[in-house]
Amino acid sequence: MPRRVSLPQADDLFRPTHDGEPPARRSAAVRAVPDTAATEPAPTTEAGGRRAASGRVKHDEKMTVYVTSEELLALEHARLSLRAGHSLGVDRGRLVREAVSLVLHDLEENGEDSMLVRRLREDRP
């Protein structure tokens, strides 16, 4: 008896990712990606007013960022370091969202003295 691989049909591949309602009107349960560690979306702020990254939720928006090969290698090194040294298995997207969250919090808290403002001023022509 020959073995046949069962492939998804076109309807499965191109199904909508939501129920047609705008993202703001959907419930948290619909937006959340099932996960044993995080079944609810992260709040926008944590205790002490710190901005929280979105974590493991279904994201409705997408942004493409181009990086150099050195930057990608550094990001991958950081991801592997988190896994090996801290038992934190995160993907690159989660790592980038956390980093962006930290930088935005620093900007909100420190304004002119934030690391982002200082570094962007260094790169100014």
N, C-alpha and C. Protein backbone atom coordinates (compact mmCIF):
# COMPACT_ATOMS: atom_id res chain seq x y z
N MET A 1 0.84 -1.16 0.00
CA MET A 1 0.00 0.00 0.00
C MET A 1 0.90 1.25 0.00
N PRO A 2 0.79 2.09 -1.00
CA PRO A 2 1.63 3.29 -1.04
C PRO A 2 1.20 4.31 0.02
N ARG A 3 2.18 5.01 0.55
CA ARG A 3 1.89 6.03 1.56
C ARG A 3 1.72 7.37 0.87
N ARG A 4 0.64 8.03 1.15
CA ARG A 4 0.39 9.34 0.57
C ARG A 4 0.43 10.39 1.67
N VAL A 5 1.06 11.46 1.36
CA VAL A 5 1.14 12.56 2.30
C VAL A 5 -0.13 13.38 2.19
N SER A 6 -0.72 13.69 3.31
CA SER A 6 -1.93 14.49 3.33
C SER A 6 -1.54 15.97 3.41
N LEU A 7 -1.85 16.72 2.36
CA LEU A 7 -1.52 18.14 2.32
C LEU A 7 -2.77 18.97 2.60
N PRO A 8 -2.59 20.16 3.16
CA PRO A 8 -3.74 21.01 3.40
C PRO A 8 -4.34 21.48 2.08
N GLN A 9 -5.64 21.71 2.09
CA GLN A 9 -6.30 22.21 0.90
C GLN A 9 -6.22 23.72 0.86
N ALA A 10 -6.55 24.31 -0.28
CA ALA A 10 -6.45 25.76 -0.46
C ALA A 10 -7.27 26.51 0.59
N ASP A 11 -8.44 26.00 0.95
CA ASP A 11 -9.27 26.67 1.96
C ASP A 11 -8.57 26.75 3.31
N ASP A 12 -7.78 25.73 3.63
CA ASP A 12 -7.04 25.74 4.88
C ASP A 12 -5.88 26.72 4.84
N LEU A 13 -5.24 26.82 3.69
CA LEU A 13 -4.08 27.71 3.57
C LEU A 13 -4.46 29.18 3.52
N PHE A 14 -5.59 29.49 2.92
CA PHE A 14 -5.96 30.89 2.70
C PHE A 14 -7.16 31.33 3.53
N ARG A 15 -7.37 30.68 4.65
CA ARG A 15 -8.49 31.07 5.51
C ARG A 15 -8.16 32.37 6.23
N PRO A 16 -9.18 33.16 6.55
CA PRO A 16 -8.91 34.41 7.29
C PRO A 16 -8.41 34.08 8.68
N THR A 17 -7.58 34.96 9.21
CA THR A 17 -7.01 34.72 10.54
C THR A 17 -7.90 35.27 11.64
N HIS A 18 -8.98 35.94 11.28
CA HIS A 18 -9.91 36.45 12.28
C HIS A 18 -11.33 36.31 11.76
N ASP A 19 -12.29 36.69 12.59
CA ASP A 19 -13.69 36.49 12.26
C ASP A 19 -14.33 37.65 11.51
N GLY A 20 -13.54 38.57 10.95
CA GLY A 20 -14.07 39.67 10.19
C GLY A 20 -14.27 40.95 10.99
N GLU A 21 -14.21 40.86 12.32
CA GLU A 21 -14.35 42.06 13.13
C GLU A 21 -13.03 42.81 13.15
N PRO A 22 -13.07 44.13 13.31
CA PRO A 22 -11.81 44.88 13.44
C PRO A 22 -11.06 44.40 14.66
N PRO A 23 -9.71 44.48 14.65
CA PRO A 23 -8.90 43.98 15.77
C PRO A 23 -9.31 44.55 17.12
N ALA A 24 -9.71 45.80 17.17
CA ALA A 24 -10.06 46.42 18.45
C ALA A 24 -11.33 45.81 19.05
N ARG A 25 -12.22 45.25 18.24
CA ARG A 25 -13.47 44.72 18.75
C ARG A 25 -13.39 43.25 19.10
N ARG A 26 -12.35 42.56 18.66
CA ARG A 26 -12.22 41.15 18.97
C ARG A 26 -11.86 40.94 20.42
N SER A 27 -12.32 39.85 20.98
CA SER A 27 -12.02 39.58 22.39
C SER A 27 -10.57 39.13 22.55
N ALA A 28 -10.09 39.23 23.78
CA ALA A 28 -8.71 38.81 24.07
C ALA A 28 -8.53 37.34 23.77
N ALA A 29 -9.56 36.54 23.97
CA ALA A 29 -9.44 35.11 23.74
C ALA A 29 -9.22 34.81 22.26
N VAL A 30 -9.78 35.60 21.38
CA VAL A 30 -9.60 35.39 19.96
C VAL A 30 -8.20 35.81 19.54
N ARG A 31 -7.68 36.91 20.14
CA ARG A 31 -6.37 37.41 19.76
C ARG A 31 -5.25 36.57 20.32
N ALA A 32 -5.45 35.92 21.44
CA ALA A 32 -4.37 35.21 22.12
C ALA A 32 -4.02 33.92 21.39
N VAL A 33 -2.74 33.64 21.32
CA VAL A 33 -2.25 32.38 20.77
C VAL A 33 -2.20 31.39 21.92
N PRO A 34 -2.80 30.21 21.76
CA PRO A 34 -2.77 29.25 22.86
C PRO A 34 -1.34 28.89 23.24
N ASP A 35 -1.06 28.97 24.52
CA ASP A 35 0.26 28.66 25.03
C ASP A 35 0.10 28.38 26.51
N THR A 36 0.78 27.38 27.02
CA THR A 36 0.61 27.05 28.42
C THR A 36 1.19 28.12 29.33
N ALA A 37 2.22 28.84 28.86
CA ALA A 37 2.85 29.87 29.68
C ALA A 37 2.12 31.20 29.60
N ALA A 38 1.48 31.49 28.48
CA ALA A 38 0.84 32.79 28.32
C ALA A 38 -0.43 32.64 27.50
N THR A 39 -1.57 32.54 28.16
CA THR A 39 -2.81 32.37 27.43
C THR A 39 -3.57 33.67 27.27
N GLU A 40 -3.13 34.74 27.94
CA GLU A 40 -3.78 36.03 27.78
C GLU A 40 -2.79 37.03 27.23
N PRO A 41 -3.28 38.03 26.46
CA PRO A 41 -2.35 39.03 25.96
C PRO A 41 -1.74 39.83 27.09
N ALA A 42 -0.50 40.24 26.90
CA ALA A 42 0.20 41.02 27.93
C ALA A 42 -0.40 42.41 28.02
N PRO A 43 -0.44 42.99 29.20
CA PRO A 43 -0.93 44.35 29.33
C PRO A 43 0.03 45.32 28.68
N THR A 44 -0.48 46.54 28.38
CA THR A 44 0.39 47.51 27.73
C THR A 44 1.39 48.10 28.70
N THR A 45 1.08 48.08 30.00
CA THR A 45 2.05 48.54 30.99
C THR A 45 2.12 47.54 32.12
N GLU A 46 3.28 47.47 32.73
CA GLU A 46 3.47 46.58 33.87
C GLU A 46 3.46 47.40 35.14
N ALA A 47 3.61 46.73 36.27
CA ALA A 47 3.69 47.43 37.54
C ALA A 47 4.83 48.44 37.49
N GLY A 48 4.60 49.61 38.01
CA GLY A 48 5.62 50.64 37.97
C GLY A 48 5.58 51.45 36.69
N GLY A 49 4.57 51.20 35.83
CA GLY A 49 4.41 52.00 34.62
C GLY A 49 5.31 51.61 33.47
N ARG A 50 6.05 50.51 33.58
CA ARG A 50 6.95 50.10 32.50
C ARG A 50 6.15 49.52 31.35
N ARG A 51 6.50 49.90 30.13
CA ARG A 51 5.83 49.40 28.93
C ARG A 51 6.16 47.92 28.77
N ALA A 52 5.16 47.10 28.51
CA ALA A 52 5.36 45.67 28.33
C ALA A 52 5.30 45.32 26.85
N ALA A 53 6.14 44.40 26.42
CA ALA A 53 6.07 43.91 25.04
C ALA A 53 4.84 43.03 24.91
N SER A 54 4.40 42.82 23.69
CA SER A 54 3.16 42.07 23.48
C SER A 54 3.30 40.58 23.78
N GLY A 55 4.51 40.05 23.75
CA GLY A 55 4.69 38.65 24.11
C GLY A 55 4.09 37.69 23.11
N ARG A 56 3.52 36.59 23.61
CA ARG A 56 3.00 35.54 22.74
C ARG A 56 1.52 35.73 22.51
N VAL A 57 1.18 36.64 21.64
CA VAL A 57 -0.20 36.85 21.22
C VAL A 57 -0.22 36.87 19.70
N LYS A 58 -1.39 36.71 19.13
CA LYS A 58 -1.52 36.82 17.69
C LYS A 58 -1.41 38.29 17.32
N HIS A 59 -0.48 38.60 16.46
CA HIS A 59 -0.27 40.00 16.08
C HIS A 59 -1.03 40.32 14.81
N ASP A 60 -1.71 41.46 14.81
CA ASP A 60 -2.51 41.86 13.67
C ASP A 60 -1.74 42.72 12.67
N GLU A 61 -0.62 43.24 13.06
CA GLU A 61 0.16 44.12 12.19
C GLU A 61 1.52 43.49 11.91
N LYS A 62 2.07 43.87 10.75
CA LYS A 62 3.37 43.33 10.37
C LYS A 62 4.25 44.49 9.91
N MET A 63 5.54 44.38 10.21
CA MET A 63 6.50 45.38 9.79
C MET A 63 7.75 44.64 9.34
N THR A 64 8.30 45.03 8.22
CA THR A 64 9.53 44.42 7.73
C THR A 64 10.71 45.33 8.08
N VAL A 65 11.74 44.76 8.63
CA VAL A 65 12.94 45.52 8.98
C VAL A 65 14.13 44.83 8.33
N TYR A 66 14.95 45.62 7.65
CA TYR A 66 16.15 45.08 7.04
C TYR A 66 17.33 45.30 7.97
N VAL A 67 18.13 44.27 8.15
CA VAL A 67 19.30 44.35 9.01
C VAL A 67 20.51 43.84 8.24
N THR A 68 21.68 44.21 8.72
CA THR A 68 22.92 43.71 8.10
C THR A 68 23.12 42.27 8.56
N SER A 69 24.02 41.58 7.90
CA SER A 69 24.30 40.20 8.29
C SER A 69 24.90 40.15 9.70
N GLU A 70 25.69 41.18 10.05
CA GLU A 70 26.28 41.24 11.40
C GLU A 70 25.19 41.43 12.46
N GLU A 71 24.21 42.29 12.16
CA GLU A 71 23.11 42.51 13.11
C GLU A 71 22.27 41.25 13.29
N LEU A 72 22.02 40.55 12.18
CA LEU A 72 21.25 39.31 12.27
C LEU A 72 22.02 38.26 13.06
N LEU A 73 23.32 38.18 12.84
CA LEU A 73 24.16 37.24 13.58
C LEU A 73 24.15 37.57 15.07
N ALA A 74 24.22 38.87 15.41
CA ALA A 74 24.18 39.29 16.82
C ALA A 74 22.84 38.95 17.45
N LEU A 75 21.76 39.14 16.69
CA LEU A 75 20.42 38.81 17.19
C LEU A 75 20.29 37.31 17.44
N GLU A 76 20.80 36.52 16.50
CA GLU A 76 20.75 35.06 16.65
C GLU A 76 21.62 34.61 17.81
N HIS A 77 22.77 35.26 17.99
CA HIS A 77 23.65 34.94 19.11
C HIS A 77 22.94 35.25 20.45
N ALA A 78 22.26 36.39 20.50
CA ALA A 78 21.52 36.75 21.72
C ALA A 78 20.42 35.74 22.00
N ARG A 79 19.71 35.31 20.95
CA ARG A 79 18.65 34.33 21.11
C ARG A 79 19.19 33.02 21.66
N LEU A 80 20.30 32.56 21.10
CA LEU A 80 20.90 31.31 21.57
C LEU A 80 21.48 31.47 22.97
N SER A 81 22.01 32.62 23.29
CA SER A 81 22.53 32.89 24.62
C SER A 81 21.41 32.86 25.66
N LEU A 82 20.26 33.44 25.31
CA LEU A 82 19.11 33.39 26.22
C LEU A 82 18.66 31.95 26.46
N ARG A 83 18.72 31.15 25.41
CA ARG A 83 18.31 29.75 25.55
C ARG A 83 19.31 28.96 26.38
N ALA A 84 20.59 29.09 26.06
CA ALA A 84 21.62 28.29 26.73
C ALA A 84 21.91 28.77 28.15
N GLY A 85 21.99 30.08 28.33
CA GLY A 85 22.40 30.61 29.62
C GLY A 85 21.28 30.91 30.59
N HIS A 86 20.05 31.07 30.05
CA HIS A 86 18.95 31.49 30.92
C HIS A 86 17.70 30.63 30.77
N SER A 87 17.78 29.57 29.98
CA SER A 87 16.65 28.66 29.73
C SER A 87 15.42 29.39 29.22
N LEU A 88 15.64 30.40 28.37
CA LEU A 88 14.54 31.16 27.78
C LEU A 88 14.52 30.92 26.27
N GLY A 89 13.60 30.08 25.82
CA GLY A 89 13.47 29.81 24.40
C GLY A 89 12.55 30.83 23.75
N VAL A 90 13.12 31.83 23.11
CA VAL A 90 12.32 32.86 22.45
C VAL A 90 12.71 32.93 20.98
N ASP A 91 11.76 33.34 20.14
CA ASP A 91 12.10 33.51 18.73
C ASP A 91 12.61 34.93 18.50
N ARG A 92 13.10 35.18 17.30
CA ARG A 92 13.67 36.49 17.00
C ARG A 92 12.64 37.60 17.11
N GLY A 93 11.41 37.32 16.68
CA GLY A 93 10.36 38.33 16.76
C GLY A 93 10.10 38.76 18.20
N ARG A 94 10.02 37.78 19.09
CA ARG A 94 9.78 38.10 20.50
C ARG A 94 10.95 38.89 21.07
N LEU A 95 12.15 38.51 20.71
CA LEU A 95 13.34 39.20 21.17
C LEU A 95 13.34 40.66 20.70
N VAL A 96 13.00 40.88 19.44
CA VAL A 96 12.94 42.24 18.90
C VAL A 96 11.83 43.05 19.57
N ARG A 97 10.65 42.44 19.78
CA ARG A 97 9.55 43.17 20.44
C ARG A 97 9.93 43.58 21.86
N GLU A 98 10.63 42.71 22.58
CA GLU A 98 11.08 43.05 23.93
C GLU A 98 12.09 44.19 23.90
N ALA A 99 13.03 44.13 22.94
CA ALA A 99 14.04 45.19 22.83
C ALA A 99 13.39 46.52 22.48
N VAL A 100 12.44 46.52 21.56
CA VAL A 100 11.73 47.75 21.19
C VAL A 100 10.97 48.29 22.40
N SER A 101 10.34 47.41 23.15
CA SER A 101 9.61 47.83 24.34
C SER A 101 10.53 48.52 25.34
N LEU A 102 11.71 47.95 25.55
CA LEU A 102 12.67 48.55 26.49
C LEU A 102 13.15 49.92 26.02
N VAL A 103 13.43 50.05 24.73
CA VAL A 103 13.91 51.32 24.19
C VAL A 103 12.82 52.38 24.26
N LEU A 104 11.58 52.00 23.95
CA LEU A 104 10.48 52.98 24.02
C LEU A 104 10.22 53.42 25.45
N HIS A 105 10.33 52.49 26.38
CA HIS A 105 10.16 52.85 27.80
C HIS A 105 11.25 53.84 28.23
N ASP A 106 12.48 53.56 27.83
CA ASP A 106 13.59 54.45 28.16
C ASP A 106 13.36 55.84 27.56
N LEU A 107 12.86 55.90 26.34
CA LEU A 107 12.58 57.18 25.70
C LEU A 107 11.48 57.94 26.46
N GLU A 108 10.43 57.24 26.85
CA GLU A 108 9.34 57.87 27.61
C GLU A 108 9.82 58.40 28.96
N GLU A 109 10.66 57.61 29.62
CA GLU A 109 11.11 57.98 30.96
C GLU A 109 12.20 59.05 30.95
N ASN A 110 13.12 58.98 29.98
CA ASN A 110 14.30 59.83 30.03
C ASN A 110 14.39 60.88 28.94
N GLY A 111 13.52 60.82 27.94
CA GLY A 111 13.49 61.84 26.89
C GLY A 111 14.85 62.12 26.29
N GLU A 112 15.33 63.37 26.44
CA GLU A 112 16.61 63.80 25.88
C GLU A 112 17.79 62.94 26.34
N ASP A 113 17.70 62.40 27.55
CA ASP A 113 18.80 61.60 28.09
C ASP A 113 18.67 60.12 27.79
N SER A 114 17.67 59.74 26.99
CA SER A 114 17.48 58.32 26.69
C SER A 114 18.59 57.81 25.79
N MET A 115 18.83 56.52 25.86
CA MET A 115 19.86 55.89 25.04
C MET A 115 19.54 56.05 23.56
N LEU A 116 18.27 55.98 23.19
CA LEU A 116 17.88 56.11 21.79
C LEU A 116 18.24 57.49 21.24
N VAL A 117 17.90 58.54 21.98
CA VAL A 117 18.21 59.90 21.53
C VAL A 117 19.72 60.09 21.41
N ARG A 118 20.46 59.62 22.39
CA ARG A 118 21.93 59.75 22.36
C ARG A 118 22.52 59.04 21.15
N ARG A 119 22.08 57.82 20.90
CA ARG A 119 22.65 57.05 19.78
C ARG A 119 22.26 57.63 18.43
N LEU A 120 21.02 58.10 18.32
CA LEU A 120 20.59 58.69 17.05
C LEU A 120 21.33 60.00 16.78
N ARG A 121 21.63 60.73 17.83
CA ARG A 121 22.40 61.97 17.66
C ARG A 121 23.84 61.65 17.23
N GLU A 122 24.41 60.56 17.70
CA GLU A 122 25.76 60.16 17.30
C GLU A 122 25.83 59.88 15.81
N ASP A 123 24.75 59.29 15.27
CA ASP A 123 24.74 58.88 13.86
C ASP A 123 24.37 60.03 12.92
N ARG A 124 24.03 61.18 13.45
CA ARG A 124 23.60 62.31 12.63
C ARG A 124 24.76 62.81 11.77
N PRO A 125 24.48 63.10 10.47
CA PRO A 125 25.55 63.60 9.60
C PRO A 125 25.99 65.00 9.95
